[in-house]
Amino acid sequence: MQAIKRKWLFFTVLGLILIGAGLSLAIDAGFYRMQNPDGLNWVYYGTFALVVFNSGICCFGQGVIYKVRLDGCAK
């Protein structure tokens, strides 16, 4: 039960951090596009931001799965 609780805390916190970082990077990529309209480097930056954001959603979802298992074990 303690292992599930540790995994729940780890994945939930990691997911929230990655979601916030991904959103911040995506906004920064948008600003980078406005400042450098000729270059296409913002595409790579924005793609990386979306990868980070989606990784955060996956980690947070895994944390929810562990929370459901933890609540099921408690009953």
PDB file of N, CA and C in Angstrom:
ATOM      1  N   MET A   1       0.817  -1.189   0.000  1.00  0.00           N
ATOM      2  CA  MET A   1       0.000   0.000   0.000  1.00  0.00           C
ATOM      3  C   MET A   1       0.866   1.261   0.000  1.00  0.00           C
ATOM      4  N   GLN A   2       1.993   1.223   0.696  1.00  0.00           N
ATOM      5  CA  GLN A   2       2.891   2.374   0.721  1.00  0.00           C
ATOM      6  C   GLN A   2       3.525   2.609  -0.645  1.00  0.00           C
ATOM      7  N   ALA A   3       3.812   1.525  -1.366  1.00  0.00           N
ATOM      8  CA  ALA A   3       4.406   1.672  -2.698  1.00  0.00           C
ATOM      9  C   ALA A   3       3.425   2.342  -3.654  1.00  0.00           C
ATOM     10  N   ILE A   4       2.167   1.988  -3.557  1.00  0.00           N
ATOM     11  CA  ILE A   4       1.147   2.606  -4.411  1.00  0.00           C
ATOM     12  C   ILE A   4       0.998   4.093  -4.058  1.00  0.00           C
ATOM     13  N   LYS A   5       1.056   4.413  -2.768  1.00  0.00           N
ATOM     14  CA  LYS A   5       0.929   5.807  -2.352  1.00  0.00           C
ATOM     15  C   LYS A   5       2.111   6.628  -2.853  1.00  0.00           C
ATOM     16  N   ARG A   6       3.328   6.061  -2.803  1.00  0.00           N
ATOM     17  CA  ARG A   6       4.501   6.763  -3.309  1.00  0.00           C
ATOM     18  C   ARG A   6       4.392   6.999  -4.813  1.00  0.00           C
ATOM     19  N   LYS A   7       3.930   5.976  -5.543  1.00  0.00           N
ATOM     20  CA  LYS A   7       3.768   6.121  -6.990  1.00  0.00           C
ATOM     21  C   LYS A   7       2.698   7.158  -7.303  1.00  0.00           C
ATOM     22  N   TRP A   8       1.618   7.161  -6.532  1.00  0.00           N
ATOM     23  CA  TRP A   8       0.557   8.141  -6.736  1.00  0.00           C
ATOM     24  C   TRP A   8       1.100   9.557  -6.557  1.00  0.00           C
ATOM     25  N   LEU A   9       1.813   9.793  -5.468  1.00  0.00           N
ATOM     26  CA  LEU A   9       2.363  11.122  -5.221  1.00  0.00           C
ATOM     27  C   LEU A   9       3.374  11.514  -6.296  1.00  0.00           C
ATOM     28  N   PHE A  10       4.238  10.587  -6.681  1.00  0.00           N
ATOM     29  CA  PHE A  10       5.270  10.887  -7.676  1.00  0.00           C
ATOM     30  C   PHE A  10       4.656  11.258  -9.024  1.00  0.00           C
ATOM     31  N   PHE A  11       3.753  10.413  -9.528  1.00  0.00           N
ATOM     32  CA  PHE A  11       3.190  10.651 -10.856  1.00  0.00           C
ATOM     33  C   PHE A  11       2.274  11.872 -10.885  1.00  0.00           C
ATOM     34  N   THR A  12       1.545  12.110  -9.812  1.00  0.00           N
ATOM     35  CA  THR A  12       0.656  13.266  -9.788  1.00  0.00           C
ATOM     36  C   THR A  12       1.452  14.569  -9.778  1.00  0.00           C
ATOM     37  N   VAL A  13       2.449  14.644  -8.920  1.00  0.00           N
ATOM     38  CA  VAL A  13       3.259  15.861  -8.846  1.00  0.00           C
ATOM     39  C   VAL A  13       4.056  16.050 -10.135  1.00  0.00           C
ATOM     40  N   LEU A  14       4.641  14.982 -10.661  1.00  0.00           N
ATOM     41  CA  LEU A  14       5.385  15.081 -11.915  1.00  0.00           C
ATOM     42  C   LEU A  14       4.473  15.521 -13.051  1.00  0.00           C
ATOM     43  N   GLY A  15       3.262  14.996 -13.089  1.00  0.00           N
ATOM     44  CA  GLY A  15       2.312  15.390 -14.122  1.00  0.00           C
ATOM     45  C   GLY A  15       1.953  16.856 -14.053  1.00  0.00           C
ATOM     46  N   LEU A  16       1.707  17.346 -12.848  1.00  0.00           N
ATOM     47  CA  LEU A  16       1.368  18.765 -12.699  1.00  0.00           C
ATOM     48  C   LEU A  16       2.528  19.667 -13.096  1.00  0.00           C
ATOM     49  N   ILE A  17       3.741  19.267 -12.752  1.00  0.00           N
ATOM     50  CA  ILE A  17       4.916  20.058 -13.132  1.00  0.00           C
ATOM     51  C   ILE A  17       5.079  20.074 -14.641  1.00  0.00           C
ATOM     52  N   LEU A  18       4.929  18.912 -15.283  1.00  0.00           N
ATOM     53  CA  LEU A  18       5.098  18.844 -16.730  1.00  0.00           C
ATOM     54  C   LEU A  18       3.988  19.586 -17.472  1.00  0.00           C
ATOM     55  N   ILE A  19       2.771  19.538 -16.955  1.00  0.00           N
ATOM     56  CA  ILE A  19       1.675  20.283 -17.588  1.00  0.00           C
ATOM     57  C   ILE A  19       1.967  21.785 -17.541  1.00  0.00           C
ATOM     58  N   GLY A  20       2.371  22.272 -16.397  1.00  0.00           N
ATOM     59  CA  GLY A  20       2.702  23.694 -16.274  1.00  0.00           C
ATOM     60  C   GLY A  20       3.876  24.100 -17.142  1.00  0.00           C
ATOM     61  N   ALA A  21       4.906  23.256 -17.170  1.00  0.00           N
ATOM     62  CA  ALA A  21       6.077  23.562 -17.997  1.00  0.00           C
ATOM     63  C   ALA A  21       5.719  23.538 -19.479  1.00  0.00           C
ATOM     64  N   GLY A  22       4.910  22.578 -19.885  1.00  0.00           N
ATOM     65  CA  GLY A  22       4.511  22.485 -21.286  1.00  0.00           C
ATOM     66  C   GLY A  22       3.694  23.680 -21.731  1.00  0.00           C
ATOM     67  N   LEU A  23       2.774  24.127 -20.887  1.00  0.00           N
ATOM     68  CA  LEU A  23       1.991  25.314 -21.224  1.00  0.00           C
ATOM     69  C   LEU A  23       2.869  26.552 -21.303  1.00  0.00           C
ATOM     70  N   SER A  24       3.800  26.682 -20.374  1.00  0.00           N
ATOM     71  CA  SER A  24       4.706  27.827 -20.399  1.00  0.00           C
ATOM     72  C   SER A  24       5.574  27.818 -21.648  1.00  0.00           C
ATOM     73  N   LEU A  25       6.061  26.638 -22.022  1.00  0.00           N
ATOM     74  CA  LEU A  25       6.880  26.537 -23.230  1.00  0.00           C
ATOM     75  C   LEU A  25       6.065  26.841 -24.485  1.00  0.00           C
ATOM     76  N   ALA A  26       4.812  26.417 -24.515  1.00  0.00           N
ATOM     77  CA  ALA A  26       3.968  26.687 -25.678  1.00  0.00           C
ATOM     78  C   ALA A  26       3.699  28.190 -25.816  1.00  0.00           C
ATOM     79  N   ILE A  27       3.450  28.854 -24.719  1.00  0.00           N
ATOM     80  CA  ILE A  27       3.245  30.300 -24.761  1.00  0.00           C
ATOM     81  C   ILE A  27       4.526  31.000 -25.205  1.00  0.00           C
ATOM     82  N   ASP A  28       5.665  30.530 -24.692  1.00  0.00           N
ATOM     83  CA  ASP A  28       6.945  31.108 -25.084  1.00  0.00           C
ATOM     84  C   ASP A  28       7.219  30.883 -26.568  1.00  0.00           C
ATOM     85  N   ALA A  29       6.835  29.724 -27.092  1.00  0.00           N
ATOM     86  CA  ALA A  29       7.003  29.467 -28.523  1.00  0.00           C
ATOM     87  C   ALA A  29       6.145  30.413 -29.347  1.00  0.00           C
ATOM     88  N   GLY A  30       4.965  30.742 -28.875  1.00  0.00           N
ATOM     89  CA  GLY A  30       4.122  31.716 -29.559  1.00  0.00           C
ATOM     90  C   GLY A  30       4.745  33.105 -29.578  1.00  0.00           C
ATOM     91  N   PHE A  31       5.324  33.507 -28.459  1.00  0.00           N
ATOM     92  CA  PHE A  31       6.016  34.792 -28.416  1.00  0.00           C
ATOM     93  C   PHE A  31       7.236  34.786 -29.334  1.00  0.00           C
ATOM     94  N   TYR A  32       7.935  33.659 -29.362  1.00  0.00           N
ATOM     95  CA  TYR A  32       9.110  33.526 -30.236  1.00  0.00           C
ATOM     96  C   TYR A  32       8.698  33.645 -31.702  1.00  0.00           C
ATOM     97  N   ARG A  33       7.541  33.109 -32.043  1.00  0.00           N
ATOM     98  CA  ARG A  33       7.038  33.212 -33.418  1.00  0.00           C
ATOM     99  C   ARG A  33       6.731  34.662 -33.777  1.00  0.00           C
ATOM    100  N   MET A  34       6.155  35.400 -32.838  1.00  0.00           N
ATOM    101  CA  MET A  34       5.828  36.796 -33.118  1.00  0.00           C
ATOM    102  C   MET A  34       7.090  37.652 -33.290  1.00  0.00           C
ATOM    103  N   GLN A  35       8.157  37.318 -32.572  1.00  0.00           N
ATOM    104  CA  GLN A  35       9.386  38.100 -32.651  1.00  0.00           C
ATOM    105  C   GLN A  35      10.223  37.744 -33.876  1.00  0.00           C
ATOM    106  N   ASN A  36      10.152  36.487 -34.344  1.00  0.00           N
ATOM    107  CA  ASN A  36      10.947  36.024 -35.484  1.00  0.00           C
ATOM    108  C   ASN A  36      10.021  35.401 -36.520  1.00  0.00           C
ATOM    109  N   PRO A  37       9.295  36.190 -37.276  1.00  0.00           N
ATOM    110  CA  PRO A  37       8.312  35.608 -38.206  1.00  0.00           C
ATOM    111  C   PRO A  37       8.946  34.901 -39.407  1.00  0.00           C
ATOM    112  N   ASP A  38      10.205  35.201 -39.722  1.00  0.00           N
ATOM    113  CA  ASP A  38      10.837  34.600 -40.887  1.00  0.00           C
ATOM    114  C   ASP A  38      11.326  33.179 -40.629  1.00  0.00           C
ATOM    115  N   GLY A  39      11.799  32.899 -39.433  1.00  0.00           N
ATOM    116  CA  GLY A  39      12.357  31.586 -39.122  1.00  0.00           C
ATOM    117  C   GLY A  39      11.282  30.576 -38.754  1.00  0.00           C
ATOM    118  N   LEU A  40      11.650  29.319 -38.892  1.00  0.00           N
ATOM    119  CA  LEU A  40      10.724  28.240 -38.511  1.00  0.00           C
ATOM    120  C   LEU A  40      11.175  27.498 -37.258  1.00  0.00           C
ATOM    121  N   ASN A  41      12.108  28.072 -36.522  1.00  0.00           N
ATOM    122  CA  ASN A  41      12.578  27.405 -35.299  1.00  0.00           C
ATOM    123  C   ASN A  41      11.487  27.315 -34.238  1.00  0.00           C
ATOM    124  N   TRP A  42      10.496  28.191 -34.316  1.00  0.00           N
ATOM    125  CA  TRP A  42       9.416  28.158 -33.339  1.00  0.00           C
ATOM    126  C   TRP A  42       8.599  26.872 -33.470  1.00  0.00           C
ATOM    127  N   VAL A  43       8.616  26.255 -34.665  1.00  0.00           N
ATOM    128  CA  VAL A  43       7.874  25.002 -34.864  1.00  0.00           C
ATOM    129  C   VAL A  43       8.465  23.897 -33.997  1.00  0.00           C
ATOM    130  N   TYR A  44       9.794  23.808 -33.982  1.00  0.00           N
ATOM    131  CA  TYR A  44      10.447  22.793 -33.152  1.00  0.00           C
ATOM    132  C   TYR A  44      10.228  23.074 -31.674  1.00  0.00           C
ATOM    133  N   TYR A  45      10.301  24.334 -31.325  1.00  0.00           N
ATOM    134  CA  TYR A  45      10.082  24.741 -29.938  1.00  0.00           C
ATOM    135  C   TYR A  45       8.647  24.430 -29.506  1.00  0.00           C
ATOM    136  N   GLY A  46       7.690  24.727 -30.362  1.00  0.00           N
ATOM    137  CA  GLY A  46       6.285  24.449 -30.055  1.00  0.00           C
ATOM    138  C   GLY A  46       5.990  22.960 -29.996  1.00  0.00           C
ATOM    139  N   THR A  47       6.633  22.196 -30.891  1.00  0.00           N
ATOM    140  CA  THR A  47       6.447  20.741 -30.872  1.00  0.00           C
ATOM    141  C   THR A  47       6.982  20.142 -29.573  1.00  0.00           C
ATOM    142  N   PHE A  48       8.153  20.617 -29.150  1.00  0.00           N
ATOM    143  CA  PHE A  48       8.708  20.161 -27.874  1.00  0.00           C
ATOM    144  C   PHE A  48       7.779  20.522 -26.720  1.00  0.00           C
ATOM    145  N   ALA A  49       7.177  21.714 -26.786  1.00  0.00           N
ATOM    146  CA  ALA A  49       6.245  22.140 -25.742  1.00  0.00           C
ATOM    147  C   ALA A  49       5.043  21.216 -25.681  1.00  0.00           C
ATOM    148  N   LEU A  50       4.530  20.815 -26.841  1.00  0.00           N
ATOM    149  CA  LEU A  50       3.382  19.902 -26.860  1.00  0.00           C
ATOM    150  C   LEU A  50       3.749  18.520 -26.336  1.00  0.00           C
ATOM    151  N   VAL A  51       4.960  18.076 -26.623  1.00  0.00           N
ATOM    152  CA  VAL A  51       5.420  16.777 -26.097  1.00  0.00           C
ATOM    153  C   VAL A  51       5.485  16.828 -24.575  1.00  0.00           C
ATOM    154  N   VAL A  52       6.027  17.911 -24.034  1.00  0.00           N
ATOM    155  CA  VAL A  52       6.114  18.049 -22.574  1.00  0.00           C
ATOM    156  C   VAL A  52       4.717  18.111 -21.960  1.00  0.00           C
ATOM    157  N   PHE A  53       3.829  18.870 -22.571  1.00  0.00           N
ATOM    158  CA  PHE A  53       2.460  18.999 -22.065  1.00  0.00           C
ATOM    159  C   PHE A  53       1.737  17.648 -22.071  1.00  0.00           C
ATOM    160  N   ASN A  54       1.831  16.926 -23.181  1.00  0.00           N
ATOM    161  CA  ASN A  54       1.157  15.622 -23.270  1.00  0.00           C
ATOM    162  C   ASN A  54       1.774  14.598 -22.326  1.00  0.00           C
ATOM    163  N   SER A  55       3.073  14.682 -22.098  1.00  0.00           N
ATOM    164  CA  SER A  55       3.703  13.804 -21.110  1.00  0.00           C
ATOM    165  C   SER A  55       3.158  14.089 -19.716  1.00  0.00           C
ATOM    166  N   GLY A  56       2.916  15.357 -19.433  1.00  0.00           N
ATOM    167  CA  GLY A  56       2.336  15.724 -18.144  1.00  0.00           C
ATOM    168  C   GLY A  56       0.929  15.176 -17.970  1.00  0.00           C
ATOM    169  N   ILE A  57       0.144  15.221 -19.039  1.00  0.00           N
ATOM    170  CA  ILE A  57      -1.210  14.662 -18.966  1.00  0.00           C
ATOM    171  C   ILE A  57      -1.147  13.154 -18.728  1.00  0.00           C
ATOM    172  N   CYS A  58      -0.226  12.482 -19.397  1.00  0.00           N
ATOM    173  CA  CYS A  58      -0.091  11.025 -19.210  1.00  0.00           C
ATOM    174  C   CYS A  58       0.332  10.690 -17.783  1.00  0.00           C
ATOM    175  N   CYS A  59       1.308  11.424 -17.258  1.00  0.00           N
ATOM    176  CA  CYS A  59       1.763  11.162 -15.885  1.00  0.00           C
ATOM    177  C   CYS A  59       0.656  11.458 -14.875  1.00  0.00           C
ATOM    178  N   PHE A  60      -0.076  12.533 -15.081  1.00  0.00           N
ATOM    179  CA  PHE A  60      -1.173  12.849 -14.172  1.00  0.00           C
ATOM    180  C   PHE A  60      -2.259  11.775 -14.238  1.00  0.00           C
ATOM    181  N   GLY A  61      -2.547  11.291 -15.443  1.00  0.00           N
ATOM    182  CA  GLY A  61      -3.523  10.208 -15.589  1.00  0.00           C
ATOM    183  C   GLY A  61      -3.075   8.945 -14.884  1.00  0.00           C
ATOM    184  N   GLN A  62      -1.777   8.645 -14.958  1.00  0.00           N
ATOM    185  CA  GLN A  62      -1.255   7.481 -14.246  1.00  0.00           C
ATOM    186  C   GLN A  62      -1.384   7.672 -12.738  1.00  0.00           C
ATOM    187  N   GLY A  63      -1.183   8.903 -12.277  1.00  0.00           N
ATOM    188  CA  GLY A  63      -1.381   9.190 -10.857  1.00  0.00           C
ATOM    189  C   GLY A  63      -2.821   8.982 -10.425  1.00  0.00           C
ATOM    190  N   VAL A  64      -3.768   9.328 -11.286  1.00  0.00           N
ATOM    191  CA  VAL A  64      -5.181   9.100 -10.981  1.00  0.00           C
ATOM    192  C   VAL A  64      -5.456   7.598 -10.895  1.00  0.00           C
ATOM    193  N   ILE A  65      -4.858   6.818 -11.775  1.00  0.00           N
ATOM    194  CA  ILE A  65      -5.038   5.361 -11.733  1.00  0.00           C
ATOM    195  C   ILE A  65      -4.521   4.809 -10.405  1.00  0.00           C
ATOM    196  N   TYR A  66      -3.349   5.275  -9.973  1.00  0.00           N
ATOM    197  CA  TYR A  66      -2.811   4.802  -8.688  1.00  0.00           C
ATOM    198  C   TYR A  66      -3.686   5.258  -7.518  1.00  0.00           C
ATOM    199  N   LYS A  67      -4.281   6.448  -7.619  1.00  0.00           N
ATOM    200  CA  LYS A  67      -5.166   6.918  -6.549  1.00  0.00           C
ATOM    201  C   LYS A  67      -6.415   6.039  -6.453  1.00  0.00           C
ATOM    202  N   VAL A  68      -6.956   5.647  -7.589  1.00  0.00           N
ATOM    203  CA  VAL A  68      -8.133   4.758  -7.585  1.00  0.00           C
ATOM    204  C   VAL A  68      -7.762   3.412  -6.972  1.00  0.00           C
ATOM    205  N   ARG A  69      -6.585   2.896  -7.318  1.00  0.00           N
ATOM    206  CA  ARG A  69      -6.141   1.626  -6.725  1.00  0.00           C
ATOM    207  C   ARG A  69      -5.925   1.777  -5.229  1.00  0.00           C
ATOM    208  N   LEU A  70      -5.376   2.928  -4.812  1.00  0.00           N
ATOM    209  CA  LEU A  70      -5.140   3.163  -3.389  1.00  0.00           C
ATOM    210  C   LEU A  70      -6.458   3.233  -2.630  1.00  0.00           C
ATOM    211  N   ASP A  71      -7.445   3.910  -3.201  1.00  0.00           N
ATOM    212  CA  ASP A  71      -8.760   3.983  -2.546  1.00  0.00           C
ATOM    213  C   ASP A  71      -9.442   2.623  -2.520  1.00  0.00           C
ATOM    214  N   GLY A  72      -9.204   1.799  -3.553  1.00  0.00           N
ATOM    215  CA  GLY A  72      -9.781   0.461  -3.581  1.00  0.00           C
ATOM    216  C   GLY A  72      -9.163  -0.448  -2.531  1.00  0.00           C
ATOM    217  N   CYS A  73      -7.860  -0.263  -2.260  1.00  0.00           N
ATOM    218  CA  CYS A  73      -7.198  -1.073  -1.241  1.00  0.00           C
ATOM    219  C   CYS A  73      -7.615  -0.666   0.170  1.00  0.00           C
ATOM    220  N   ALA A  74      -7.955   0.617   0.334  1.00  0.00           N
ATOM    221  CA  ALA A  74      -8.340   1.106   1.657  1.00  0.00           C
ATOM    222  C   ALA A  74      -9.700   0.580   2.094  1.00  0.00           C
ATOM    223  N   LYS A  75     -10.537   0.248   1.133  1.00  0.00           N
ATOM    224  CA  LYS A  75     -11.880  -0.231   1.471  1.00  0.00           C
ATOM    225  C   LYS A  75     -11.854  -1.675   1.695  1.00  0.00           C
TER     226      LYS A  75
END
